[in-house]
Amino acid sequence: MFNWIKKMFGAGAKEQVFVAKPKVTVTKTVTKPIIVKPAFKNKKELAKLTKGKMEEIGRTYGVELDKRKKKDALVNELWKAIKK
C-alpha cells in the first residue's frame, strides 16, 4: 500500500527528460481570383438585365449602383463605367 502511495506522489520517481520538437512553419500562397468583366455591345443588352444583375456587373467595373433609381438611369450610369 505504501508503495502505491509513493508512486502516486512521485517519491523515488525517475526524472523525465522532455525533448522539444522542432517547430514546423507552413507557408500558404495566396492567389487572387481572376475577375472576368462581361462585355456588352450596346445599351439594349444592358436594358435586358435586372437591376440586381446590373448592380453585380457594376461592382466588377468599380461602380456602386443604387437599385432605388429607375432602370434607365442605371443603364446609363453602367454604360458610362463600361466605356471608360
PDB file of N, CA and C in Angstrom:
ATOM      1  N   MET A   1       0.814  -1.187   0.000  1.00  0.00           N
ATOM      2  CA  MET A   1       0.000   0.000   0.000  1.00  0.00           C
ATOM      3  C   MET A   1       0.857   1.250   0.000  1.00  0.00           C
ATOM      4  N   PHE A   2       1.932   1.245   0.794  1.00  0.00           N
ATOM      5  CA  PHE A   2       2.795   2.419   0.836  1.00  0.00           C
ATOM      6  C   PHE A   2       3.538   2.612  -0.484  1.00  0.00           C
ATOM      7  N   ASN A   3       3.843   1.529  -1.137  1.00  0.00           N
ATOM      8  CA  ASN A   3       4.499   1.629  -2.448  1.00  0.00           C
ATOM      9  C   ASN A   3       3.569   2.323  -3.447  1.00  0.00           C
ATOM     10  N   TRP A   4       2.312   1.997  -3.359  1.00  0.00           N
ATOM     11  CA  TRP A   4       1.330   2.612  -4.250  1.00  0.00           C
ATOM     12  C   TRP A   4       1.237   4.113  -3.991  1.00  0.00           C
ATOM     13  N   ILE A   5       1.258   4.533  -2.725  1.00  0.00           N
ATOM     14  CA  ILE A   5       1.199   5.947  -2.362  1.00  0.00           C
ATOM     15  C   ILE A   5       2.469   6.662  -2.815  1.00  0.00           C
ATOM     16  N   LYS A   6       3.611   5.994  -2.679  1.00  0.00           N
ATOM     17  CA  LYS A   6       4.879   6.584  -3.118  1.00  0.00           C
ATOM     18  C   LYS A   6       4.855   6.826  -4.629  1.00  0.00           C
ATOM     19  N   LYS A   7       4.336   5.856  -5.355  1.00  0.00           N
ATOM     20  CA  LYS A   7       4.234   6.010  -6.802  1.00  0.00           C
ATOM     21  C   LYS A   7       3.280   7.148  -7.158  1.00  0.00           C
ATOM     22  N   MET A   8       2.239   7.264  -6.387  1.00  0.00           N
ATOM     23  CA  MET A   8       1.227   8.270  -6.634  1.00  0.00           C
ATOM     24  C   MET A   8       1.792   9.681  -6.484  1.00  0.00           C
ATOM     25  N   PHE A   9       2.580   9.903  -5.452  1.00  0.00           N
ATOM     26  CA  PHE A   9       3.116  11.228  -5.183  1.00  0.00           C
ATOM     27  C   PHE A   9       4.518  11.433  -5.735  1.00  0.00           C
ATOM     28  N   GLY A  10       5.053  10.458  -6.408  1.00  0.00           N
ATOM     29  CA  GLY A  10       6.314  10.615  -7.097  1.00  0.00           C
ATOM     30  C   GLY A  10       7.540  10.415  -6.242  1.00  0.00           C
ATOM     31  N   ALA A  11       7.425   9.855  -5.098  1.00  0.00           N
ATOM     32  CA  ALA A  11       8.603   9.588  -4.276  1.00  0.00           C
ATOM     33  C   ALA A  11       9.402   8.492  -4.942  1.00  0.00           C
ATOM     34  N   GLY A  12      10.671   8.751  -5.137  1.00  0.00           N
ATOM     35  CA  GLY A  12      11.534   7.764  -5.772  1.00  0.00           C
ATOM     36  C   GLY A  12      11.309   7.660  -7.273  1.00  0.00           C
ATOM     37  N   ALA A  13      10.649   8.630  -7.840  1.00  0.00           N
ATOM     38  CA  ALA A  13      10.384   8.603  -9.277  1.00  0.00           C
ATOM     39  C   ALA A  13      11.619   9.045 -10.039  1.00  0.00           C
ATOM     40  N   LYS A  14      11.785   8.530 -11.197  1.00  0.00           N
ATOM     41  CA  LYS A  14      12.905   8.903 -12.049  1.00  0.00           C
ATOM     42  C   LYS A  14      12.605  10.233 -12.730  1.00  0.00           C
ATOM     43  N   GLU A  15      13.658  10.974 -12.981  1.00  0.00           N
ATOM     44  CA  GLU A  15      13.470  12.253 -13.682  1.00  0.00           C
ATOM     45  C   GLU A  15      13.139  11.984 -15.142  1.00  0.00           C
ATOM     46  N   GLN A  16      12.188  12.724 -15.623  1.00  0.00           N
ATOM     47  CA  GLN A  16      11.818  12.584 -17.023  1.00  0.00           C
ATOM     48  C   GLN A  16      12.455  13.706 -17.819  1.00  0.00           C
ATOM     49  N   VAL A  17      12.997  13.357 -18.955  1.00  0.00           N
ATOM     50  CA  VAL A  17      13.633  14.342 -19.821  1.00  0.00           C
ATOM     51  C   VAL A  17      12.719  14.537 -21.029  1.00  0.00           C
ATOM     52  N   PHE A  18      12.337  15.796 -21.232  1.00  0.00           N
ATOM     53  CA  PHE A  18      11.488  16.119 -22.366  1.00  0.00           C
ATOM     54  C   PHE A  18      12.329  16.739 -23.466  1.00  0.00           C
ATOM     55  N   VAL A  19      12.143  16.261 -24.653  1.00  0.00           N
ATOM     56  CA  VAL A  19      12.857  16.784 -25.811  1.00  0.00           C
ATOM     57  C   VAL A  19      11.887  17.654 -26.595  1.00  0.00           C
ATOM     58  N   ALA A  20      12.292  18.889 -26.862  1.00  0.00           N
ATOM     59  CA  ALA A  20      11.429  19.814 -27.597  1.00  0.00           C
ATOM     60  C   ALA A  20      11.398  19.417 -29.071  1.00  0.00           C
ATOM     61  N   LYS A  21      10.202  19.420 -29.615  1.00  0.00           N
ATOM     62  CA  LYS A  21      10.059  19.107 -31.037  1.00  0.00           C
ATOM     63  C   LYS A  21      10.349  20.359 -31.849  1.00  0.00           C
ATOM     64  N   PRO A  22      10.971  20.202 -33.009  1.00  0.00           N
ATOM     65  CA  PRO A  22      11.251  21.385 -33.836  1.00  0.00           C
ATOM     66  C   PRO A  22       9.945  21.980 -34.365  1.00  0.00           C
ATOM     67  N   LYS A  23       9.921  23.302 -34.462  1.00  0.00           N
ATOM     68  CA  LYS A  23       8.729  23.985 -34.971  1.00  0.00           C
ATOM     69  C   LYS A  23       8.683  23.859 -36.484  1.00  0.00           C
ATOM     70  N   VAL A  24       7.506  23.585 -36.964  1.00  0.00           N
ATOM     71  CA  VAL A  24       7.290  23.453 -38.403  1.00  0.00           C
ATOM     72  C   VAL A  24       6.480  24.653 -38.848  1.00  0.00           C
ATOM     73  N   THR A  25       6.996  25.393 -39.817  1.00  0.00           N
ATOM     74  CA  THR A  25       6.261  26.545 -40.339  1.00  0.00           C
ATOM     75  C   THR A  25       5.652  26.174 -41.682  1.00  0.00           C
ATOM     76  N   VAL A  26       4.406  26.541 -41.838  1.00  0.00           N
ATOM     77  CA  VAL A  26       3.676  26.260 -43.071  1.00  0.00           C
ATOM     78  C   VAL A  26       3.410  27.592 -43.754  1.00  0.00           C
ATOM     79  N   THR A  27       3.823  27.702 -44.990  1.00  0.00           N
ATOM     80  CA  THR A  27       3.569  28.928 -45.741  1.00  0.00           C
ATOM     81  C   THR A  27       2.460  28.650 -46.743  1.00  0.00           C
ATOM     82  N   LYS A  28       1.534  29.576 -46.803  1.00  0.00           N
ATOM     83  CA  LYS A  28       0.422  29.457 -47.736  1.00  0.00           C
ATOM     84  C   LYS A  28       0.595  30.494 -48.836  1.00  0.00           C
ATOM     85  N   THR A  29       0.358  30.081 -50.036  1.00  0.00           N
ATOM     86  CA  THR A  29       0.395  31.028 -51.141  1.00  0.00           C
ATOM     87  C   THR A  29      -1.027  31.504 -51.400  1.00  0.00           C
ATOM     88  N   VAL A  30      -1.177  32.789 -51.451  1.00  0.00           N
ATOM     89  CA  VAL A  30      -2.486  33.384 -51.660  1.00  0.00           C
ATOM     90  C   VAL A  30      -2.595  33.777 -53.126  1.00  0.00           C
ATOM     91  N   THR A  31      -3.618  33.275 -53.758  1.00  0.00           N
ATOM     92  CA  THR A  31      -3.844  33.627 -55.158  1.00  0.00           C
ATOM     93  C   THR A  31      -5.096  34.485 -55.244  1.00  0.00           C
ATOM     94  N   LYS A  32      -5.030  35.485 -56.064  1.00  0.00           N
ATOM     95  CA  LYS A  32      -6.175  36.369 -56.253  1.00  0.00           C
ATOM     96  C   LYS A  32      -7.080  35.781 -57.332  1.00  0.00           C
ATOM     97  N   PRO A  33      -8.380  35.862 -57.128  1.00  0.00           N
ATOM     98  CA  PRO A  33      -9.283  35.337 -58.149  1.00  0.00           C
ATOM     99  C   PRO A  33      -9.233  36.200 -59.419  1.00  0.00           C
ATOM    100  N   ILE A  34      -9.407  35.562 -60.524  1.00  0.00           N
ATOM    101  CA  ILE A  34      -9.430  36.265 -61.804  1.00  0.00           C
ATOM    102  C   ILE A  34     -10.847  36.765 -62.044  1.00  0.00           C
ATOM    103  N   ILE A  35     -10.969  38.059 -62.247  1.00  0.00           N
ATOM    104  CA  ILE A  35     -12.291  38.654 -62.479  1.00  0.00           C
ATOM    105  C   ILE A  35     -12.456  38.885 -63.975  1.00  0.00           C
ATOM    106  N   VAL A  36     -13.463  38.259 -64.534  1.00  0.00           N
ATOM    107  CA  VAL A  36     -13.757  38.419 -65.953  1.00  0.00           C
ATOM    108  C   VAL A  36     -14.900  39.414 -66.067  1.00  0.00           C
ATOM    109  N   LYS A  37     -14.627  40.514 -66.724  1.00  0.00           N
ATOM    110  CA  LYS A  37     -15.659  41.533 -66.896  1.00  0.00           C
ATOM    111  C   LYS A  37     -16.489  41.203 -68.126  1.00  0.00           C
ATOM    112  N   PRO A  38     -17.810  41.164 -67.965  1.00  0.00           N
ATOM    113  CA  PRO A  38     -18.652  40.871 -69.127  1.00  0.00           C
ATOM    114  C   PRO A  38     -18.626  42.024 -70.128  1.00  0.00           C
ATOM    115  N   ALA A  39     -18.673  41.674 -71.398  1.00  0.00           N
ATOM    116  CA  ALA A  39     -18.631  42.685 -72.463  1.00  0.00           C
ATOM    117  C   ALA A  39     -20.035  42.888 -73.038  1.00  0.00           C
ATOM    118  N   PHE A  40     -20.373  44.142 -73.233  1.00  0.00           N
ATOM    119  CA  PHE A  40     -21.669  44.483 -73.820  1.00  0.00           C
ATOM    120  C   PHE A  40     -21.439  45.357 -75.040  1.00  0.00           C
ATOM    121  N   LYS A  41     -22.217  45.100 -76.097  1.00  0.00           N
ATOM    122  CA  LYS A  41     -22.046  45.851 -77.343  1.00  0.00           C
ATOM    123  C   LYS A  41     -22.822  47.163 -77.327  1.00  0.00           C
ATOM    124  N   ASN A  42     -23.971  47.150 -76.669  1.00  0.00           N
ATOM    125  CA  ASN A  42     -24.792  48.369 -76.664  1.00  0.00           C
ATOM    126  C   ASN A  42     -25.660  48.421 -75.402  1.00  0.00           C
ATOM    127  N   LYS A  43     -26.386  49.537 -75.277  1.00  0.00           N
ATOM    128  CA  LYS A  43     -27.225  49.739 -74.097  1.00  0.00           C
ATOM    129  C   LYS A  43     -28.427  48.794 -74.068  1.00  0.00           C
ATOM    130  N   LYS A  44     -28.859  48.328 -75.238  1.00  0.00           N
ATOM    131  CA  LYS A  44     -30.023  47.434 -75.289  1.00  0.00           C
ATOM    132  C   LYS A  44     -29.745  46.127 -74.545  1.00  0.00           C
ATOM    133  N   GLU A  45     -28.509  45.656 -74.640  1.00  0.00           N
ATOM    134  CA  GLU A  45     -28.148  44.438 -73.919  1.00  0.00           C
ATOM    135  C   GLU A  45     -28.180  44.673 -72.410  1.00  0.00           C
ATOM    136  N   LEU A  46     -27.782  45.853 -71.994  1.00  0.00           N
ATOM    137  CA  LEU A  46     -27.834  46.184 -70.566  1.00  0.00           C
ATOM    138  C   LEU A  46     -29.272  46.317 -70.085  1.00  0.00           C
ATOM    139  N   ALA A  47     -30.133  46.855 -70.929  1.00  0.00           N
ATOM    140  CA  ALA A  47     -31.527  47.079 -70.545  1.00  0.00           C
ATOM    141  C   ALA A  47     -32.272  45.760 -70.333  1.00  0.00           C
ATOM    142  N   LYS A  48     -31.790  44.669 -70.898  1.00  0.00           N
ATOM    143  CA  LYS A  48     -32.429  43.369 -70.725  1.00  0.00           C
ATOM    144  C   LYS A  48     -32.157  42.774 -69.338  1.00  0.00           C
ATOM    145  N   LEU A  49     -31.137  43.266 -68.665  1.00  0.00           N
ATOM    146  CA  LEU A  49     -30.759  42.728 -67.361  1.00  0.00           C
ATOM    147  C   LEU A  49     -31.661  43.283 -66.256  1.00  0.00           C
ATOM    148  N   THR A  50     -31.689  42.574 -65.137  1.00  0.00           N
ATOM    149  CA  THR A  50     -32.428  43.073 -63.976  1.00  0.00           C
ATOM    150  C   THR A  50     -31.559  44.083 -63.227  1.00  0.00           C
ATOM    151  N   LYS A  51     -32.176  44.832 -62.324  1.00  0.00           N
ATOM    152  CA  LYS A  51     -31.434  45.825 -61.549  1.00  0.00           C
ATOM    153  C   LYS A  51     -30.369  45.156 -60.680  1.00  0.00           C
ATOM    154  N   GLY A  52     -30.705  44.010 -60.120  1.00  0.00           N
ATOM    155  CA  GLY A  52     -29.751  43.280 -59.277  1.00  0.00           C
ATOM    156  C   GLY A  52     -28.540  42.823 -60.056  1.00  0.00           C
ATOM    157  N   LYS A  53     -28.769  42.309 -61.254  1.00  0.00           N
ATOM    158  CA  LYS A  53     -27.665  41.845 -62.100  1.00  0.00           C
ATOM    159  C   LYS A  53     -26.804  43.021 -62.546  1.00  0.00           C
ATOM    160  N   MET A  54     -27.448  44.153 -62.846  1.00  0.00           N
ATOM    161  CA  MET A  54     -26.681  45.343 -63.228  1.00  0.00           C
ATOM    162  C   MET A  54     -25.816  45.816 -62.067  1.00  0.00           C
ATOM    163  N   GLU A  55     -26.332  45.702 -60.854  1.00  0.00           N
ATOM    164  CA  GLU A  55     -25.555  46.111 -59.682  1.00  0.00           C
ATOM    165  C   GLU A  55     -24.314  45.227 -59.525  1.00  0.00           C
ATOM    166  N   GLU A  56     -24.464  43.911 -59.726  1.00  0.00           N
ATOM    167  CA  GLU A  56     -23.337  42.992 -59.640  1.00  0.00           C
ATOM    168  C   GLU A  56     -22.287  43.308 -60.701  1.00  0.00           C
ATOM    169  N   ILE A  57     -22.732  43.559 -61.919  1.00  0.00           N
ATOM    170  CA  ILE A  57     -21.802  43.879 -63.010  1.00  0.00           C
ATOM    171  C   ILE A  57     -21.124  45.207 -62.740  1.00  0.00           C
ATOM    172  N   GLY A  58     -21.857  46.167 -62.198  1.00  0.00           N
ATOM    173  CA  GLY A  58     -21.286  47.465 -61.866  1.00  0.00           C
ATOM    174  C   GLY A  58     -20.158  47.341 -60.852  1.00  0.00           C
ATOM    175  N   ARG A  59     -20.281  46.423 -59.913  1.00  0.00           N
ATOM    176  CA  ARG A  59     -19.228  46.225 -58.920  1.00  0.00           C
ATOM    177  C   ARG A  59     -17.947  45.713 -59.559  1.00  0.00           C
ATOM    178  N   THR A  60     -18.073  44.880 -60.606  1.00  0.00           N
ATOM    179  CA  THR A  60     -16.858  44.403 -61.277  1.00  0.00           C
ATOM    180  C   THR A  60     -16.147  45.544 -61.997  1.00  0.00           C
ATOM    181  N   TYR A  61     -16.901  46.563 -62.384  1.00  0.00           N
ATOM    182  CA  TYR A  61     -16.310  47.727 -63.041  1.00  0.00           C
ATOM    183  C   TYR A  61     -15.973  48.839 -62.053  1.00  0.00           C
ATOM    184  N   GLY A  62     -16.206  48.607 -60.766  1.00  0.00           N
ATOM    185  CA  GLY A  62     -15.861  49.591 -59.753  1.00  0.00           C
ATOM    186  C   GLY A  62     -16.905  50.665 -59.539  1.00  0.00           C
ATOM    187  N   VAL A  63     -18.157  50.378 -59.895  1.00  0.00           N
ATOM    188  CA  VAL A  63     -19.242  51.344 -59.745  1.00  0.00           C
ATOM    189  C   VAL A  63     -20.289  50.747 -58.810  1.00  0.00           C
ATOM    190  N   GLU A  64     -20.721  51.528 -57.835  1.00  0.00           N
ATOM    191  CA  GLU A  64     -21.789  51.089 -56.937  1.00  0.00           C
ATOM    192  C   GLU A  64     -23.094  51.722 -57.413  1.00  0.00           C
ATOM    193  N   LEU A  65     -24.005  50.896 -57.900  1.00  0.00           N
ATOM    194  CA  LEU A  65     -25.283  51.380 -58.410  1.00  0.00           C
ATOM    195  C   LEU A  65     -26.340  51.323 -57.313  1.00  0.00           C
ATOM    196  N   ASP A  66     -27.230  52.297 -57.334  1.00  0.00           N
ATOM    197  CA  ASP A  66     -28.321  52.363 -56.373  1.00  0.00           C
ATOM    198  C   ASP A  66     -29.577  51.792 -57.038  1.00  0.00           C
ATOM    199  N   LYS A  67     -30.057  50.659 -56.538  1.00  0.00           N
ATOM    200  CA  LYS A  67     -31.197  49.994 -57.164  1.00  0.00           C
ATOM    201  C   LYS A  67     -32.506  50.760 -56.986  1.00  0.00           C
ATOM    202  N   ARG A  68     -32.511  51.806 -56.181  1.00  0.00           N
ATOM    203  CA  ARG A  68     -33.730  52.597 -55.995  1.00  0.00           C
ATOM    204  C   ARG A  68     -33.984  53.518 -57.178  1.00  0.00           C
ATOM    205  N   LYS A  69     -32.963  53.749 -58.011  1.00  0.00           N
ATOM    206  CA  LYS A  69     -33.133  54.601 -59.186  1.00  0.00           C
ATOM    207  C   LYS A  69     -33.892  53.838 -60.267  1.00  0.00           C
ATOM    208  N   LYS A  70     -34.327  54.574 -61.269  1.00  0.00           N
ATOM    209  CA  LYS A  70     -35.013  53.945 -62.397  1.00  0.00           C
ATOM    210  C   LYS A  70     -34.010  53.138 -63.211  1.00  0.00           C
ATOM    211  N   LYS A  71     -34.531  52.184 -63.925  1.00  0.00           N
ATOM    212  CA  LYS A  71     -33.679  51.284 -64.686  1.00  0.00           C
ATOM    213  C   LYS A  71     -32.902  52.016 -65.778  1.00  0.00           C
ATOM    214  N   ASP A  72     -33.529  52.997 -66.428  1.00  0.00           N
ATOM    215  CA  ASP A  72     -32.849  53.758 -67.480  1.00  0.00           C
ATOM    216  C   ASP A  72     -31.639  54.502 -66.923  1.00  0.00           C
ATOM    217  N   ALA A  73     -31.784  55.066 -65.726  1.00  0.00           N
ATOM    218  CA  ALA A  73     -30.675  55.790 -65.105  1.00  0.00           C
ATOM    219  C   ALA A  73     -29.537  54.824 -64.770  1.00  0.00           C
ATOM    220  N   LEU A  74     -29.883  53.624 -64.315  1.00  0.00           N
ATOM    221  CA  LEU A  74     -28.858  52.623 -64.007  1.00  0.00           C
ATOM    222  C   LEU A  74     -28.130  52.168 -65.262  1.00  0.00           C
ATOM    223  N   VAL A  75     -28.879  51.994 -66.348  1.00  0.00           N
ATOM    224  CA  VAL A  75     -28.262  51.581 -67.616  1.00  0.00           C
ATOM    225  C   VAL A  75     -27.267  52.640 -68.076  1.00  0.00           C
ATOM    226  N   ASN A  76     -27.657  53.918 -68.018  1.00  0.00           N
ATOM    227  CA  ASN A  76     -26.765  54.995 -68.448  1.00  0.00           C
ATOM    228  C   ASN A  76     -25.509  55.069 -67.580  1.00  0.00           C
ATOM    229  N   GLU A  77     -25.681  54.943 -66.282  1.00  0.00           N
ATOM    230  CA  GLU A  77     -24.545  55.024 -65.362  1.00  0.00           C
ATOM    231  C   GLU A  77     -23.582  53.856 -65.583  1.00  0.00           C
ATOM    232  N   LEU A  78     -24.124  52.656 -65.775  1.00  0.00           N
ATOM    233  CA  LEU A  78     -23.288  51.488 -66.017  1.00  0.00           C
ATOM    234  C   LEU A  78     -22.623  51.561 -67.386  1.00  0.00           C
ATOM    235  N   TRP A  79     -23.317  52.065 -68.361  1.00  0.00           N
ATOM    236  CA  TRP A  79     -22.737  52.189 -69.705  1.00  0.00           C
ATOM    237  C   TRP A  79     -21.537  53.129 -69.695  1.00  0.00           C
ATOM    238  N   LYS A  80     -21.632  54.238 -68.944  1.00  0.00           N
ATOM    239  CA  LYS A  80     -20.513  55.174 -68.827  1.00  0.00           C
ATOM    240  C   LYS A  80     -19.310  54.481 -68.176  1.00  0.00           C
ATOM    241  N   ALA A  81     -19.566  53.668 -67.171  1.00  0.00           N
ATOM    242  CA  ALA A  81     -18.473  52.956 -66.487  1.00  0.00           C
ATOM    243  C   ALA A  81     -17.823  51.924 -67.401  1.00  0.00           C
ATOM    244  N   ILE A  82     -18.634  51.260 -68.218  1.00  0.00           N
ATOM    245  CA  ILE A  82     -18.092  50.246 -69.112  1.00  0.00           C
ATOM    246  C   ILE A  82     -17.229  50.879 -70.199  1.00  0.00           C
ATOM    247  N   LYS A  83     -17.641  52.026 -70.711  1.00  0.00           N
ATOM    248  CA  LYS A  83     -16.944  52.653 -71.825  1.00  0.00           C
ATOM    249  C   LYS A  83     -15.712  53.461 -71.404  1.00  0.00           C
ATOM    250  N   LYS A  84     -15.404  53.516 -70.116  1.00  0.00           N
ATOM    251  CA  LYS A  84     -14.212  54.266 -69.663  1.00  0.00           C
ATOM    252  C   LYS A  84     -12.957  53.589 -70.124  1.00  0.00           C
TER     253      LYS A  84
END
